Protein backbone atom coordinates (compact mmCIF):
# COMPACT_ATOMS: atom_id res chain seq x y z
CA MET A 1 -75.02 68.76 -199.86
CA ALA A 2 -75.79 66.54 -197.02
CA ILE A 3 -77.17 68.66 -194.23
CA ILE A 4 -75.51 68.20 -190.86
CA GLU A 5 -77.58 69.61 -188.02
CA ALA A 6 -75.75 71.53 -185.28
CA LYS A 7 -73.67 69.34 -182.98
CA LYS A 8 -72.08 70.92 -179.93
CA TYR A 9 -68.86 69.69 -178.35
CA GLU A 10 -67.23 70.84 -175.14
CA LEU A 11 -63.49 71.30 -175.65
CA SER A 12 -60.84 72.68 -173.31
CA LEU A 13 -61.22 76.14 -174.92
CA GLY A 14 -65.03 76.11 -174.71
CA GLU A 15 -67.96 74.97 -176.78
CA VAL A 16 -67.56 74.39 -180.52
CA THR A 17 -70.55 73.91 -182.82
CA LEU A 18 -70.22 71.86 -186.00
CA GLU A 19 -72.91 72.15 -188.65
CA SER A 20 -73.47 72.50 -192.37
CA ALA A 21 -72.69 75.94 -193.74
CA LYS A 22 -75.72 78.12 -194.44
CA GLY A 23 -76.16 81.03 -196.83
CA GLU A 24 -76.24 83.45 -193.93
CA ASP A 25 -72.71 82.29 -192.99
CA ALA A 26 -71.30 83.90 -196.16
CA ALA A 27 -69.86 87.02 -194.49
CA LEU A 28 -68.33 84.98 -191.66
CA LEU A 29 -66.83 82.54 -194.14
CA ILE A 30 -65.27 85.32 -196.21
CA LEU A 31 -63.57 86.68 -193.08
CA PHE A 32 -62.49 83.17 -192.07
CA ILE A 33 -61.01 82.33 -195.48
CA LYS A 34 -59.06 85.59 -195.69
CA LYS A 35 -57.63 85.04 -192.22
CA ALA A 36 -56.83 81.35 -192.80
CA ASP A 37 -55.14 82.08 -196.14
CA SER A 38 -52.85 84.62 -194.46
CA GLU A 39 -51.81 82.33 -191.58
CA THR A 40 -50.21 79.33 -193.23
CA ASP A 41 -48.46 78.13 -196.37
CA PHE A 42 -50.22 74.76 -196.10
CA LEU A 43 -53.17 76.09 -198.13
CA LEU A 44 -53.18 76.25 -201.93
CA ARG A 45 -54.27 79.87 -202.18
CA GLU A 46 -52.39 82.97 -201.03
CA SER A 47 -54.31 85.58 -199.03
CA ASP A 48 -54.61 88.10 -201.88
CA GLU A 49 -56.06 85.50 -204.26
CA PHE A 50 -59.44 85.20 -202.54
CA ASN A 51 -61.73 87.92 -203.85
CA ILE A 52 -65.36 86.89 -203.71
CA SER A 53 -68.44 88.97 -203.04
CA TYR A 54 -70.94 88.19 -200.32
CA GLU A 55 -73.52 87.35 -203.01
CA ASN A 56 -71.20 84.90 -204.77
CA GLU A 57 -70.17 83.22 -201.52
CA LYS A 58 -73.81 82.88 -200.50
CA LYS A 59 -74.65 81.38 -203.91
CA PHE A 60 -71.68 78.99 -203.58
CA ILE A 61 -72.98 77.79 -200.20
CA ASP A 62 -76.58 77.56 -201.39
CA ASP A 63 -75.49 75.56 -204.46
CA LYS A 64 -73.48 73.17 -202.27
CA ARG A 65 -76.49 72.63 -200.00
CA LYS A 66 -78.45 71.37 -203.04
CA ASN A 67 -75.85 68.75 -204.01
CA GLU A 68 -76.21 65.43 -202.17
CA ASN A 69 -72.59 64.47 -202.98
CA GLU A 70 -71.11 67.40 -201.08
CA LEU A 71 -70.55 68.28 -197.47
CA PHE A 72 -69.52 71.70 -196.14
CA ILE A 73 -69.08 71.84 -192.37
CA THR A 74 -68.34 74.93 -190.31
CA ALA A 75 -66.84 74.92 -186.83
CA LYS A 76 -67.94 77.92 -184.77
CA ILE A 77 -66.95 79.24 -181.37
CA ASP A 78 -69.02 82.12 -180.00
CA GLY A 79 -70.53 82.65 -183.46
CA GLU A 80 -67.14 82.97 -185.21
CA VAL A 81 -66.11 80.46 -187.89
CA VAL A 82 -62.82 78.91 -186.72
CA GLY A 83 -62.72 75.91 -189.07
CA THR A 84 -64.24 74.38 -192.17
CA LEU A 85 -64.30 71.03 -193.90
CA GLY A 86 -65.41 70.70 -197.50
CA PHE A 87 -66.05 67.36 -199.20
CA ALA A 88 -66.85 66.88 -202.88
CA GLY A 89 -68.03 63.58 -204.30
CA SER A 90 -68.74 62.57 -207.86
CA SER A 91 -72.12 62.36 -209.53
CA PHE A 92 -70.81 59.85 -212.10
CA ARG A 93 -71.50 56.14 -211.51
CA ARG A 94 -67.82 55.20 -211.69
CA GLY A 95 -66.92 57.78 -209.08
CA LYS A 96 -69.93 57.75 -206.75
CA HIS A 97 -68.06 55.57 -204.25
CA LYS A 98 -65.50 58.25 -203.42
CA GLY A 99 -64.73 61.90 -202.88
CA GLN A 100 -62.03 64.31 -201.78
CA PHE A 101 -61.96 66.78 -198.92
CA GLY A 102 -60.06 69.73 -197.54
CA ILE A 103 -59.99 70.95 -193.97
CA VAL A 104 -58.84 74.24 -192.42
CA VAL A 105 -58.65 75.41 -188.81
CA LEU A 106 -57.44 78.87 -187.80
CA ARG A 107 -53.95 78.70 -186.32
CA GLU A 108 -54.96 79.93 -182.85
CA TYR A 109 -57.30 76.92 -182.59
CA TRP A 110 -54.77 74.26 -183.64
CA GLY A 111 -54.28 71.50 -181.09
CA TYR A 112 -57.73 71.65 -179.48
CA GLY A 113 -59.31 68.80 -181.43
CA ILE A 114 -61.53 70.86 -183.74
CA GLY A 115 -60.09 69.30 -186.88
CA SER A 116 -60.44 65.84 -185.38
CA LYS A 117 -64.10 66.50 -184.54
CA MET A 118 -64.80 67.64 -188.11
CA LEU A 119 -62.89 64.67 -189.54
CA ASN A 120 -64.80 62.26 -187.33
CA LEU A 121 -68.08 63.81 -188.51
CA LEU A 122 -67.00 63.40 -192.15
CA ILE A 123 -66.06 59.74 -191.64
CA GLU A 124 -69.31 59.01 -189.83
CA TRP A 125 -71.31 60.63 -192.64
CA ALA A 126 -69.26 58.89 -195.39
CA ASP A 127 -69.74 55.50 -193.76
CA ASN A 128 -73.48 56.10 -193.34
CA VAL A 129 -73.99 57.03 -197.00
CA GLY A 130 -71.91 54.08 -198.21
CA LEU A 131 -68.79 55.80 -199.50
CA VAL A 132 -65.86 53.44 -199.98
CA LYS A 133 -63.06 56.02 -200.26
CA ILE A 134 -62.41 59.49 -198.89
CA ALA A 135 -59.21 61.11 -200.10
CA LEU A 136 -57.11 64.23 -199.63
CA GLU A 137 -53.89 65.96 -200.62
CA VAL A 138 -51.61 67.26 -197.89
CA ASP A 139 -48.27 69.08 -198.04
CA ALA A 140 -45.47 66.59 -197.48
CA ASP A 141 -44.04 68.82 -194.72
CA ASN A 142 -47.35 69.14 -192.82
CA GLU A 143 -46.37 66.49 -190.29
CA ARG A 144 -49.05 67.44 -187.76
CA ALA A 145 -51.87 66.92 -190.27
CA ILE A 146 -50.37 63.69 -191.64
CA LYS A 147 -50.19 62.27 -188.11
CA ILE A 148 -53.87 63.10 -187.51
CA TYR A 149 -54.95 61.58 -190.82
CA LYS A 150 -53.05 58.37 -190.04
CA LYS A 151 -54.73 58.24 -186.62
CA PHE A 152 -58.08 58.21 -188.46
CA GLY A 153 -57.05 55.34 -190.74
CA PHE A 154 -55.83 57.27 -193.77
CA GLU A 155 -52.96 55.72 -195.70
CA VAL A 156 -50.44 57.21 -198.11
CA GLU A 157 -51.33 56.42 -201.73
CA GLY A 158 -48.68 58.44 -203.49
CA ILE A 159 -46.56 61.55 -203.75
CA LEU A 160 -47.13 64.44 -206.13
CA LYS A 161 -43.72 65.95 -206.83
CA TYR A 162 -43.42 69.72 -207.30
CA ASN A 163 -47.14 70.03 -206.65
CA LYS A 164 -47.24 73.48 -205.08
CA HIS A 165 -45.26 76.48 -206.31
CA MET A 166 -44.19 78.61 -203.36
CA GLY A 167 -42.51 81.29 -205.45
CA GLN A 168 -38.91 82.11 -206.31
CA GLY A 169 -38.20 78.61 -207.65
CA VAL A 170 -39.36 76.83 -204.50
CA TYR A 171 -41.78 73.91 -204.84
CA LYS A 172 -43.45 71.58 -202.35
CA ASP A 173 -44.44 67.97 -202.77
CA SER A 174 -47.90 66.79 -201.74
CA ILE A 175 -48.94 63.43 -200.36
CA LEU A 176 -52.09 61.69 -201.54
CA MET A 177 -53.85 59.95 -198.68
CA ALA A 178 -57.10 58.03 -198.47
CA ARG A 179 -59.24 56.07 -196.07
CA ILE A 180 -60.83 52.96 -197.55
CA ASN A 181 -63.95 51.60 -195.88
CA HIS A 182 -63.49 47.92 -196.73
CA GLY A 183 -66.87 47.05 -195.21
CA LYS A 184 -68.64 49.05 -197.94
CA PHE A 185 -67.36 47.13 -201.00
CA LYS A 186 -70.32 45.98 -203.10
């Protein structure tokens, strides 16, 4: 994983620190994921589906830190993880120009610009390493996120019908979005 050194930003709610996840963040990340999964239906996993040990989470983080095609950013306020952004690229030649990411911010921190700061950091990193395309899937009804992605230059590439099963015969569509860095075509 590309290593992002700590960057501090002053927001209206206080100071937020963005940096690459470290093995010692494992316990904080487990708490964060369990809380985030219970707060919103916009995530793929339900809260009772995340069952990982500290050791396995630490290994997951440590493995990501060794992969140059990956990025795993944490956003912390007062030592608590309040957001994450994970990016996975390909190691194959035909896919090295692109990757896909997911981003999560705890509900109580929505609207303060934390997601935008993480997204900006991702784009800056992607442009610096020569990536042409960064992509994502977003629930079609997540209007707030779609608006932010469009603000950062992401465009709709397609719709995945019935992409997420919500239970009891209810399904959600997802939108595929991507940002193309036309200046990086080679």
